Structure formats: structure tokens, C-alpha cells
Amino acid sequence: MILGQVRGRVVSTAKIDNLNGKKLLVVEVVSVREHGLVRTGREMVCVDAVQAGEGELVFVVQGSSSRIAPDMRDVPTDAVIVGIVDSLQSMGQAMELRD
């Protein structure tokens, strides 16, 4: 799984039927470091399976794992948001996103 932060939303009026009704979000990958969570600058478009919102930390799965997420079997995607992070600890300390 990949840890990321929702940065924005993608609006697409022309798309294949299997994507209709699916919310598409821009997620920036974040990395866990000793001093906190750090932005990587790497962004991806993900199908949202959990109703995530902008600014939230999320778990993303890619590849074959994305196609076995609920309601994604026939959706042509390689990245799906499958969880919202409530809190994160590493080495006994709460981790926060650093700007």
C-alpha cells in the first residue's frame, strides 16, 4: 500500500461507462521519515472507493490489488483509494505531514 494525501479532484465529462459514477482524486505520495511525513512531489490520479476528502491522508493500492477492491472489478484503473488514515505512529511518535 502507498500512503498519500488527497490534493484535488479530477472532473471528466467524457469517459468510458465503467468510470461513470466514480470519483477521481489527485493524490500526492508521502514518505514516512524520522521527523515526520514528507511530500514526495509524485502525484497520481486514483479512483476513490472510500469517499475521501481533500487534505486527508489515505491508503492507495495499485496494480492487481486495485482491481479486487470493492466495485472495481470492471474498472480500468491501477490506483484506488481504499482507506482514510485517522492517525499514524512510527517509532512511538505521532507522525504529521510537514510542509
PDB file of N, CA and C in Angstrom:
ATOM      1  N   MET A   1       0.838  -1.181   0.000  1.00  0.00           N
ATOM      2  CA  MET A   1       0.000   0.000   0.000  1.00  0.00           C
ATOM      3  C   MET A   1       0.881   1.242   0.000  1.00  0.00           C
ATOM      4  N   ILE A   2       0.313   2.296  -0.502  1.00  0.00           N
ATOM      5  CA  ILE A   2       1.009   3.574  -0.605  1.00  0.00           C
ATOM      6  C   ILE A   2       0.285   4.576   0.275  1.00  0.00           C
ATOM      7  N   LEU A   3       1.036   5.397   0.993  1.00  0.00           N
ATOM      8  CA  LEU A   3       0.469   6.450   1.814  1.00  0.00           C
ATOM      9  C   LEU A   3       0.485   7.736   1.006  1.00  0.00           C
ATOM     10  N   GLY A   4      -0.636   8.460   1.009  1.00  0.00           N
ATOM     11  CA  GLY A   4      -0.699   9.696   0.244  1.00  0.00           C
ATOM     12  C   GLY A   4      -1.651  10.699   0.853  1.00  0.00           C
ATOM     13  N   GLN A   5      -1.644  11.902   0.285  1.00  0.00           N
ATOM     14  CA  GLN A   5      -2.563  12.950   0.707  1.00  0.00           C
ATOM     15  C   GLN A   5      -3.375  13.396  -0.499  1.00  0.00           C
ATOM     16  N   VAL A   6      -4.686  13.496  -0.299  1.00  0.00           N
ATOM     17  CA  VAL A   6      -5.561  13.958  -1.375  1.00  0.00           C
ATOM     18  C   VAL A   6      -5.289  15.435  -1.601  1.00  0.00           C
ATOM     19  N   ARG A   7      -4.949  15.783  -2.839  1.00  0.00           N
ATOM     20  CA  ARG A   7      -4.596  17.168  -3.189  1.00  0.00           C
ATOM     21  C   ARG A   7      -5.663  17.864  -4.017  1.00  0.00           C
ATOM     22  N   GLY A   8      -6.510  17.082  -4.692  1.00  0.00           N
ATOM     23  CA  GLY A   8      -7.526  17.703  -5.529  1.00  0.00           C
ATOM     24  C   GLY A   8      -8.419  16.672  -6.179  1.00  0.00           C
ATOM     25  N   ARG A   9      -9.289  17.164  -7.031  1.00  0.00           N
ATOM     26  CA  ARG A   9     -10.289  16.322  -7.687  1.00  0.00           C
ATOM     27  C   ARG A   9     -10.153  16.458  -9.199  1.00  0.00           C
ATOM     28  N   VAL A  10     -10.448  15.381  -9.907  1.00  0.00           N
ATOM     29  CA  VAL A  10     -10.433  15.392 -11.368  1.00  0.00           C
ATOM     30  C   VAL A  10     -11.877  15.335 -11.847  1.00  0.00           C
ATOM     31  N   VAL A  11     -12.252  16.262 -12.723  1.00  0.00           N
ATOM     32  CA  VAL A  11     -13.583  16.250 -13.325  1.00  0.00           C
ATOM     33  C   VAL A  11     -13.424  15.846 -14.775  1.00  0.00           C
ATOM     34  N   SER A  12     -14.164  14.823 -15.176  1.00  0.00           N
ATOM     35  CA  SER A  12     -14.093  14.324 -16.546  1.00  0.00           C
ATOM     36  C   SER A  12     -15.507  14.060 -17.048  1.00  0.00           C
ATOM     37  N   THR A  13     -15.924  14.832 -18.048  1.00  0.00           N
ATOM     38  CA  THR A  13     -17.281  14.646 -18.572  1.00  0.00           C
ATOM     39  C   THR A  13     -17.334  13.586 -19.659  1.00  0.00           C
ATOM     40  N   ALA A  14     -16.214  13.306 -20.293  1.00  0.00           N
ATOM     41  CA  ALA A  14     -16.161  12.267 -21.333  1.00  0.00           C
ATOM     42  C   ALA A  14     -15.257  11.140 -20.846  1.00  0.00           C
ATOM     43  N   LYS A  15     -15.865   9.990 -20.575  1.00  0.00           N
ATOM     44  CA  LYS A  15     -15.097   8.837 -20.106  1.00  0.00           C
ATOM     45  C   LYS A  15     -15.878   7.572 -20.413  1.00  0.00           C
ATOM     46  N   ILE A  16     -15.228   6.425 -20.293  1.00  0.00           N
ATOM     47  CA  ILE A  16     -15.910   5.169 -20.582  1.00  0.00           C
ATOM     48  C   ILE A  16     -16.958   4.892 -19.499  1.00  0.00           C
ATOM     49  N   ASP A  17     -17.955   4.094 -19.856  1.00  0.00           N
ATOM     50  CA  ASP A  17     -19.065   3.805 -18.948  1.00  0.00           C
ATOM     51  C   ASP A  17     -18.620   3.249 -17.600  1.00  0.00           C
ATOM     52  N   ASN A  18     -17.583   2.429 -17.582  1.00  0.00           N
ATOM     53  CA  ASN A  18     -17.144   1.805 -16.328  1.00  0.00           C
ATOM     54  C   ASN A  18     -16.601   2.818 -15.315  1.00  0.00           C
ATOM     55  N   LEU A  19     -16.292   4.024 -15.762  1.00  0.00           N
ATOM     56  CA  LEU A  19     -15.823   5.067 -14.846  1.00  0.00           C
ATOM     57  C   LEU A  19     -16.942   6.009 -14.407  1.00  0.00           C
ATOM     58  N   ASN A  20     -18.119   5.904 -15.030  1.00  0.00           N
ATOM     59  CA  ASN A  20     -19.239   6.757 -14.634  1.00  0.00           C
ATOM     60  C   ASN A  20     -19.590   6.510 -13.176  1.00  0.00           C
ATOM     61  N   GLY A  21     -19.793   7.586 -12.440  1.00  0.00           N
ATOM     62  CA  GLY A  21     -20.137   7.485 -11.029  1.00  0.00           C
ATOM     63  C   GLY A  21     -18.955   7.282 -10.103  1.00  0.00           C
ATOM     64  N   LYS A  22     -17.756   7.185 -10.643  1.00  0.00           N
ATOM     65  CA  LYS A  22     -16.553   7.000  -9.824  1.00  0.00           C
ATOM     66  C   LYS A  22     -15.880   8.357  -9.611  1.00  0.00           C
ATOM     67  N   LYS A  23     -15.580   8.677  -8.348  1.00  0.00           N
ATOM     68  CA  LYS A  23     -14.893   9.927  -8.035  1.00  0.00           C
ATOM     69  C   LYS A  23     -13.399   9.724  -8.260  1.00  0.00           C
ATOM     70  N   LEU A  24     -12.787  10.646  -8.995  1.00  0.00           N
ATOM     71  CA  LEU A  24     -11.352  10.603  -9.285  1.00  0.00           C
ATOM     72  C   LEU A  24     -10.656  11.706  -8.495  1.00  0.00           C
ATOM     73  N   LEU A  25      -9.620  11.330  -7.758  1.00  0.00           N
ATOM     74  CA  LEU A  25      -8.900  12.286  -6.928  1.00  0.00           C
ATOM     75  C   LEU A  25      -7.411  12.284  -7.254  1.00  0.00           C
ATOM     76  N   VAL A  26      -6.793  13.447  -7.116  1.00  0.00           N
ATOM     77  CA  VAL A  26      -5.344  13.566  -7.260  1.00  0.00           C
ATOM     78  C   VAL A  26      -4.736  13.332  -5.875  1.00  0.00           C
ATOM     79  N   VAL A  27      -3.824  12.370  -5.792  1.00  0.00           N
ATOM     80  CA  VAL A  27      -3.178  12.018  -4.526  1.00  0.00           C
ATOM     81  C   VAL A  27      -1.670  12.199  -4.673  1.00  0.00           C
ATOM     82  N   GLU A  28      -1.072  12.912  -3.711  1.00  0.00           N
ATOM     83  CA  GLU A  28       0.385  13.040  -3.672  1.00  0.00           C
ATOM     84  C   GLU A  28       0.939  11.992  -2.711  1.00  0.00           C
ATOM     85  N   VAL A  29       1.906  11.242  -3.170  1.00  0.00           N
ATOM     86  CA  VAL A  29       2.551  10.227  -2.339  1.00  0.00           C
ATOM     87  C   VAL A  29       3.351  10.925  -1.242  1.00  0.00           C
ATOM     88  N   VAL A  30       3.239  10.412  -0.009  1.00  0.00           N
ATOM     89  CA  VAL A  30       4.047  10.933   1.091  1.00  0.00           C
ATOM     90  C   VAL A  30       4.926   9.812   1.635  1.00  0.00           C
ATOM     91  N   SER A  31       6.025  10.201   2.218  1.00  0.00           N
ATOM     92  CA  SER A  31       7.003   9.248   2.734  1.00  0.00           C
ATOM     93  C   SER A  31       7.144   9.429   4.246  1.00  0.00           C
ATOM     94  N   VAL A  32       7.282   8.328   4.968  1.00  0.00           N
ATOM     95  CA  VAL A  32       7.491   8.382   6.415  1.00  0.00           C
ATOM     96  C   VAL A  32       8.990   8.546   6.674  1.00  0.00           C
ATOM     97  N   ARG A  33       9.337   9.624   7.356  1.00  0.00           N
ATOM     98  CA  ARG A  33      10.725   9.902   7.728  1.00  0.00           C
ATOM     99  C   ARG A  33      10.810  10.060   9.244  1.00  0.00           C
ATOM    100  N   GLU A  34      12.000  10.081   9.762  1.00  0.00           N
ATOM    101  CA  GLU A  34      12.201  10.189  11.208  1.00  0.00           C
ATOM    102  C   GLU A  34      11.536  11.427  11.798  1.00  0.00           C
ATOM    103  N   HIS A  35      11.537  12.527  11.059  1.00  0.00           N
ATOM    104  CA  HIS A  35      10.994  13.793  11.562  1.00  0.00           C
ATOM    105  C   HIS A  35       9.539  14.030  11.160  1.00  0.00           C
ATOM    106  N   GLY A  36       8.912  13.076  10.480  1.00  0.00           N
ATOM    107  CA  GLY A  36       7.505  13.225  10.109  1.00  0.00           C
ATOM    108  C   GLY A  36       7.233  12.747   8.694  1.00  0.00           C
ATOM    109  N   LEU A  37       6.045  13.047   8.228  1.00  0.00           N
ATOM    110  CA  LEU A  37       5.650  12.688   6.865  1.00  0.00           C
ATOM    111  C   LEU A  37       6.122  13.771   5.909  1.00  0.00           C
ATOM    112  N   VAL A  38       6.687  13.364   4.788  1.00  0.00           N
ATOM    113  CA  VAL A  38       7.278  14.300   3.833  1.00  0.00           C
ATOM    114  C   VAL A  38       6.641  14.105   2.463  1.00  0.00           C
ATOM    115  N   ARG A  39       6.296  15.212   1.834  1.00  0.00           N
ATOM    116  CA  ARG A  39       5.755  15.159   0.468  1.00  0.00           C
ATOM    117  C   ARG A  39       6.849  14.699  -0.492  1.00  0.00           C
ATOM    118  N   THR A  40       6.475  13.898  -1.488  1.00  0.00           N
ATOM    119  CA  THR A  40       7.463  13.424  -2.461  1.00  0.00           C
ATOM    120  C   THR A  40       7.401  14.189  -3.773  1.00  0.00           C
ATOM    121  N   GLY A  41       6.296  14.898  -4.011  1.00  0.00           N
ATOM    122  CA  GLY A  41       6.118  15.574  -5.288  1.00  0.00           C
ATOM    123  C   GLY A  41       5.536  14.667  -6.358  1.00  0.00           C
ATOM    124  N   ARG A  42       5.430  13.381  -6.075  1.00  0.00           N
ATOM    125  CA  ARG A  42       4.865  12.413  -7.034  1.00  0.00           C
ATOM    126  C   ARG A  42       3.352  12.340  -6.841  1.00  0.00           C
ATOM    127  N   GLU A  43       2.616  12.641  -7.887  1.00  0.00           N
ATOM    128  CA  GLU A  43       1.156  12.626  -7.814  1.00  0.00           C
ATOM    129  C   GLU A  43       0.585  11.582  -8.760  1.00  0.00           C
ATOM    130  N   MET A  44      -0.613  11.115  -8.416  1.00  0.00           N
ATOM    131  CA  MET A  44      -1.310  10.146  -9.261  1.00  0.00           C
ATOM    132  C   MET A  44      -2.806  10.394  -9.160  1.00  0.00           C
ATOM    133  N   VAL A  45      -3.520   9.974 -10.187  1.00  0.00           N
ATOM    134  CA  VAL A  45      -4.979  10.026 -10.170  1.00  0.00           C
ATOM    135  C   VAL A  45      -5.475   8.672  -9.686  1.00  0.00           C
ATOM    136  N   CYS A  46      -6.373   8.700  -8.694  1.00  0.00           N
ATOM    137  CA  CYS A  46      -6.887   7.467  -8.090  1.00  0.00           C
ATOM    138  C   CYS A  46      -8.409   7.468  -8.119  1.00  0.00           C
ATOM    139  N   VAL A  47      -8.992   6.288  -8.246  1.00  0.00           N
ATOM    140  CA  VAL A  47     -10.426   6.134  -8.055  1.00  0.00           C
ATOM    141  C   VAL A  47     -10.657   6.075  -6.546  1.00  0.00           C
ATOM    142  N   ASP A  48     -11.648   6.822  -6.066  1.00  0.00           N
ATOM    143  CA  ASP A  48     -11.931   6.884  -4.633  1.00  0.00           C
ATOM    144  C   ASP A  48     -13.002   5.867  -4.259  1.00  0.00           C
ATOM    145  N   ALA A  49     -12.637   4.870  -3.446  1.00  0.00           N
ATOM    146  CA  ALA A  49     -13.588   3.841  -3.018  1.00  0.00           C
ATOM    147  C   ALA A  49     -14.107   4.082  -1.603  1.00  0.00           C
ATOM    148  N   VAL A  50     -13.639   5.150  -0.930  1.00  0.00           N
ATOM    149  CA  VAL A  50     -13.994   5.348   0.480  1.00  0.00           C
ATOM    150  C   VAL A  50     -14.505   6.752   0.805  1.00  0.00           C
ATOM    151  N   GLN A  51     -14.799   7.552  -0.196  1.00  0.00           N
ATOM    152  CA  GLN A  51     -15.305   8.919  -0.005  1.00  0.00           C
ATOM    153  C   GLN A  51     -14.314   9.803   0.757  1.00  0.00           C
ATOM    154  N   ALA A  52     -13.073   9.785   0.321  1.00  0.00           N
ATOM    155  CA  ALA A  52     -12.030  10.627   0.917  1.00  0.00           C
ATOM    156  C   ALA A  52     -12.242  12.078   0.500  1.00  0.00           C
ATOM    157  N   GLY A  53     -11.699  12.983   1.297  1.00  0.00           N
ATOM    158  CA  GLY A  53     -11.805  14.402   1.004  1.00  0.00           C
ATOM    159  C   GLY A  53     -10.444  15.047   0.851  1.00  0.00           C
ATOM    160  N   GLU A  54     -10.446  16.240   0.286  1.00  0.00           N
ATOM    161  CA  GLU A  54      -9.196  16.953   0.054  1.00  0.00           C
ATOM    162  C   GLU A  54      -8.465  17.193   1.375  1.00  0.00           C
ATOM    163  N   GLY A  55      -7.152  16.946   1.367  1.00  0.00           N
ATOM    164  CA  GLY A  55      -6.316  17.139   2.541  1.00  0.00           C
ATOM    165  C   GLY A  55      -6.160  15.903   3.407  1.00  0.00           C
ATOM    166  N   GLU A  56      -7.016  14.890   3.207  1.00  0.00           N
ATOM    167  CA  GLU A  56      -6.940  13.696   4.047  1.00  0.00           C
ATOM    168  C   GLU A  56      -5.779  12.794   3.646  1.00  0.00           C
ATOM    169  N   LEU A  57      -5.202  12.121   4.644  1.00  0.00           N
ATOM    170  CA  LEU A  57      -4.205  11.086   4.385  1.00  0.00           C
ATOM    171  C   LEU A  57      -4.950   9.805   4.053  1.00  0.00           C
ATOM    172  N   VAL A  58      -4.486   9.110   3.021  1.00  0.00           N
ATOM    173  CA  VAL A  58      -5.192   7.924   2.537  1.00  0.00           C
ATOM    174  C   VAL A  58      -4.213   6.801   2.218  1.00  0.00           C
ATOM    175  N   PHE A  59      -4.775   5.575   2.153  1.00  0.00           N
ATOM    176  CA  PHE A  59      -4.045   4.418   1.653  1.00  0.00           C
ATOM    177  C   PHE A  59      -4.463   4.181   0.217  1.00  0.00           C
ATOM    178  N   VAL A  60      -3.498   3.935  -0.651  1.00  0.00           N
ATOM    179  CA  VAL A  60      -3.757   3.656  -2.063  1.00  0.00           C
ATOM    180  C   VAL A  60      -3.171   2.292  -2.397  1.00  0.00           C
ATOM    181  N   VAL A  61      -3.934   1.499  -3.146  1.00  0.00           N
ATOM    182  CA  VAL A  61      -3.385   0.254  -3.686  1.00  0.00           C
ATOM    183  C   VAL A  61      -3.273   0.414  -5.191  1.00  0.00           C
ATOM    184  N   GLN A  62      -2.310  -0.288  -5.772  1.00  0.00           N
ATOM    185  CA  GLN A  62      -2.086  -0.216  -7.213  1.00  0.00           C
ATOM    186  C   GLN A  62      -2.033  -1.612  -7.812  1.00  0.00           C
ATOM    187  N   GLY A  63      -2.071  -1.645  -9.136  1.00  0.00           N
ATOM    188  CA  GLY A  63      -1.933  -2.906  -9.859  1.00  0.00           C
ATOM    189  C   GLY A  63      -3.110  -3.827  -9.640  1.00  0.00           C
ATOM    190  N   SER A  64      -2.837  -5.126  -9.561  1.00  0.00           N
ATOM    191  CA  SER A  64      -3.913  -6.109  -9.444  1.00  0.00           C
ATOM    192  C   SER A  64      -4.723  -5.912  -8.165  1.00  0.00           C
ATOM    193  N   SER A  65      -4.116  -5.388  -7.116  1.00  0.00           N
ATOM    194  CA  SER A  65      -4.856  -5.122  -5.871  1.00  0.00           C
ATOM    195  C   SER A  65      -5.958  -4.097  -6.084  1.00  0.00           C
ATOM    196  N   SER A  66      -5.735  -3.144  -6.983  1.00  0.00           N
ATOM    197  CA  SER A  66      -6.756  -2.124  -7.231  1.00  0.00           C
ATOM    198  C   SER A  66      -7.989  -2.710  -7.903  1.00  0.00           C
ATOM    199  N   ARG A  67      -7.814  -3.764  -8.650  1.00  0.00           N
ATOM    200  CA  ARG A  67      -8.952  -4.351  -9.362  1.00  0.00           C
ATOM    201  C   ARG A  67      -9.756  -5.324  -8.509  1.00  0.00           C
ATOM    202  N   ILE A  68      -9.250  -5.683  -7.320  1.00  0.00           N
ATOM    203  CA  ILE A  68     -10.041  -6.541  -6.444  1.00  0.00           C
ATOM    204  C   ILE A  68     -10.681  -5.750  -5.305  1.00  0.00           C
ATOM    205  N   ALA A  69     -10.487  -4.434  -5.292  1.00  0.00           N
ATOM    206  CA  ALA A  69     -11.184  -3.594  -4.318  1.00  0.00           C
ATOM    207  C   ALA A  69     -12.682  -3.632  -4.639  1.00  0.00           C
ATOM    208  N   PRO A  70     -13.546  -3.428  -3.637  1.00  0.00           N
ATOM    209  CA  PRO A  70     -14.997  -3.484  -3.876  1.00  0.00           C
ATOM    210  C   PRO A  70     -15.445  -2.587  -5.029  1.00  0.00           C
ATOM    211  N   ASP A  71     -16.283  -3.123  -5.882  1.00  0.00           N
ATOM    212  CA  ASP A  71     -16.871  -2.410  -7.028  1.00  0.00           C
ATOM    213  C   ASP A  71     -15.852  -1.944  -8.060  1.00  0.00           C
ATOM    214  N   MET A  72     -14.674  -2.539  -8.106  1.00  0.00           N
ATOM    215  CA  MET A  72     -13.639  -2.122  -9.053  1.00  0.00           C
ATOM    216  C   MET A  72     -13.294  -3.198 -10.074  1.00  0.00           C
ATOM    217  N   ARG A  73     -13.967  -4.305 -10.048  1.00  0.00           N
ATOM    218  CA  ARG A  73     -13.601  -5.436 -10.904  1.00  0.00           C
ATOM    219  C   ARG A  73     -13.527  -5.079 -12.390  1.00  0.00           C
ATOM    220  N   ASP A  74     -14.488  -4.318 -12.878  1.00  0.00           N
ATOM    221  CA  ASP A  74     -14.521  -3.974 -14.299  1.00  0.00           C
ATOM    222  C   ASP A  74     -14.078  -2.540 -14.579  1.00  0.00           C
ATOM    223  N   VAL A  75     -13.446  -1.914 -13.603  1.00  0.00           N
ATOM    224  CA  VAL A  75     -12.988  -0.533 -13.768  1.00  0.00           C
ATOM    225  C   VAL A  75     -11.517  -0.549 -14.193  1.00  0.00           C
ATOM    226  N   PRO A  76     -11.191   0.093 -15.322  1.00  0.00           N
ATOM    227  CA  PRO A  76      -9.807   0.096 -15.806  1.00  0.00           C
ATOM    228  C   PRO A  76      -8.950   1.107 -15.035  1.00  0.00           C
ATOM    229  N   THR A  77      -8.505   0.702 -13.875  1.00  0.00           N
ATOM    230  CA  THR A  77      -7.695   1.589 -13.042  1.00  0.00           C
ATOM    231  C   THR A  77      -6.500   0.831 -12.489  1.00  0.00           C
ATOM    232  N   ASP A  78      -5.464   1.570 -12.172  1.00  0.00           N
ATOM    233  CA  ASP A  78      -4.336   0.928 -11.499  1.00  0.00           C
ATOM    234  C   ASP A  78      -4.039   1.591 -10.163  1.00  0.00           C
ATOM    235  N   ALA A  79      -4.958   2.460  -9.683  1.00  0.00           N
ATOM    236  CA  ALA A  79      -4.783   3.094  -8.378  1.00  0.00           C
ATOM    237  C   ALA A  79      -6.146   3.379  -7.756  1.00  0.00           C
ATOM    238  N   VAL A  80      -6.373   2.829  -6.551  1.00  0.00           N
ATOM    239  CA  VAL A  80      -7.645   3.003  -5.849  1.00  0.00           C
ATOM    240  C   VAL A  80      -7.366   3.400  -4.402  1.00  0.00           C
ATOM    241  N   ILE A  81      -8.081   4.419  -3.924  1.00  0.00           N
ATOM    242  CA  ILE A  81      -8.019   4.791  -2.509  1.00  0.00           C
ATOM    243  C   ILE A  81      -8.899   3.810  -1.749  1.00  0.00           C
ATOM    244  N   VAL A  82      -8.286   3.070  -0.801  1.00  0.00           N
ATOM    245  CA  VAL A  82      -9.019   2.032  -0.073  1.00  0.00           C
ATOM    246  C   VAL A  82      -9.134   2.319   1.426  1.00  0.00           C
ATOM    247  N   GLY A  83      -8.542   3.406   1.910  1.00  0.00           N
ATOM    248  CA  GLY A  83      -8.644   3.721   3.332  1.00  0.00           C
ATOM    249  C   GLY A  83      -8.272   5.151   3.632  1.00  0.00           C
ATOM    250  N   ILE A  84      -8.871   5.682   4.709  1.00  0.00           N
ATOM    251  CA  ILE A  84      -8.551   7.019   5.207  1.00  0.00           C
ATOM    252  C   ILE A  84      -7.795   6.838   6.522  1.00  0.00           C
ATOM    253  N   VAL A  85      -6.668   7.509   6.657  1.00  0.00           N
ATOM    254  CA  VAL A  85      -5.814   7.379   7.843  1.00  0.00           C
ATOM    255  C   VAL A  85      -6.309   8.333   8.931  1.00  0.00           C
ATOM    256  N   ASP A  86      -6.642   7.774  10.100  1.00  0.00           N
ATOM    257  CA  ASP A  86      -7.047   8.601  11.240  1.00  0.00           C
ATOM    258  C   ASP A  86      -5.829   9.107  12.007  1.00  0.00           C
ATOM    259  N   SER A  87      -4.850   8.255  12.196  1.00  0.00           N
ATOM    260  CA  SER A  87      -3.607   8.656  12.859  1.00  0.00           C
ATOM    261  C   SER A  87      -2.507   7.704  12.423  1.00  0.00           C
ATOM    262  N   LEU A  88      -1.268   8.147  12.600  1.00  0.00           N
ATOM    263  CA  LEU A  88      -0.129   7.336  12.193  1.00  0.00           C
ATOM    264  C   LEU A  88       0.979   7.506  13.217  1.00  0.00           C
ATOM    265  N   GLN A  89       1.534   6.393  13.659  1.00  0.00           N
ATOM    266  CA  GLN A  89       2.664   6.434  14.583  1.00  0.00           C
ATOM    267  C   GLN A  89       3.825   5.655  13.998  1.00  0.00           C
ATOM    268  N   SER A  90       5.026   6.166  14.235  1.00  0.00           N
ATOM    269  CA  SER A  90       6.238   5.468  13.832  1.00  0.00           C
ATOM    270  C   SER A  90       7.265   5.669  14.933  1.00  0.00           C
ATOM    271  N   MET A  91       7.910   4.611  15.336  1.00  0.00           N
ATOM    272  CA  MET A  91       8.902   4.659  16.412  1.00  0.00           C
ATOM    273  C   MET A  91       8.325   5.309  17.671  1.00  0.00           C
ATOM    274  N   GLY A  92       7.047   5.028  17.965  1.00  0.00           N
ATOM    275  CA  GLY A  92       6.408   5.529  19.176  1.00  0.00           C
ATOM    276  C   GLY A  92       5.972   6.973  19.136  1.00  0.00           C
ATOM    277  N   GLN A  93       6.114   7.634  17.983  1.00  0.00           N
ATOM    278  CA  GLN A  93       5.741   9.039  17.884  1.00  0.00           C
ATOM    279  C   GLN A  93       4.673   9.242  16.825  1.00  0.00           C
ATOM    280  N   ALA A  94       3.739  10.154  17.124  1.00  0.00           N
ATOM    281  CA  ALA A  94       2.719  10.520  16.145  1.00  0.00           C
ATOM    282  C   ALA A  94       3.396  11.227  14.978  1.00  0.00           C
ATOM    283  N   MET A  95       2.995  10.862  13.777  1.00  0.00           N
ATOM    284  CA  MET A  95       3.565  11.460  12.571  1.00  0.00           C
ATOM    285  C   MET A  95       2.582  12.463  11.979  1.00  0.00           C
ATOM    286  N   GLU A  96       3.094  13.619  11.607  1.00  0.00           N
ATOM    287  CA  GLU A  96       2.296  14.641  10.944  1.00  0.00           C
ATOM    288  C   GLU A  96       2.983  15.030   9.651  1.00  0.00           C
ATOM    289  N   LEU A  97       2.176  15.526   8.722  1.00  0.00           N
ATOM    290  CA  LEU A  97       2.706  15.955   7.432  1.00  0.00           C
ATOM    291  C   LEU A  97       3.426  17.280   7.597  1.00  0.00           C
ATOM    292  N   ARG A  98       4.670  17.333   7.137  1.00  0.00           N
ATOM    293  CA  ARG A  98       5.480  18.561   7.192  1.00  0.00           C
ATOM    294  C   ARG A  98       5.421  19.241   5.831  1.00  0.00           C
ATOM    295  N   ASP A  99       5.292  20.558   5.868  1.00  0.00           N
ATOM    296  CA  ASP A  99       5.291  21.308   4.599  1.00  0.00           C
ATOM    297  C   ASP A  99       6.679  21.717   4.209  1.00  0.00           C
TER     298      ASP A  99
END
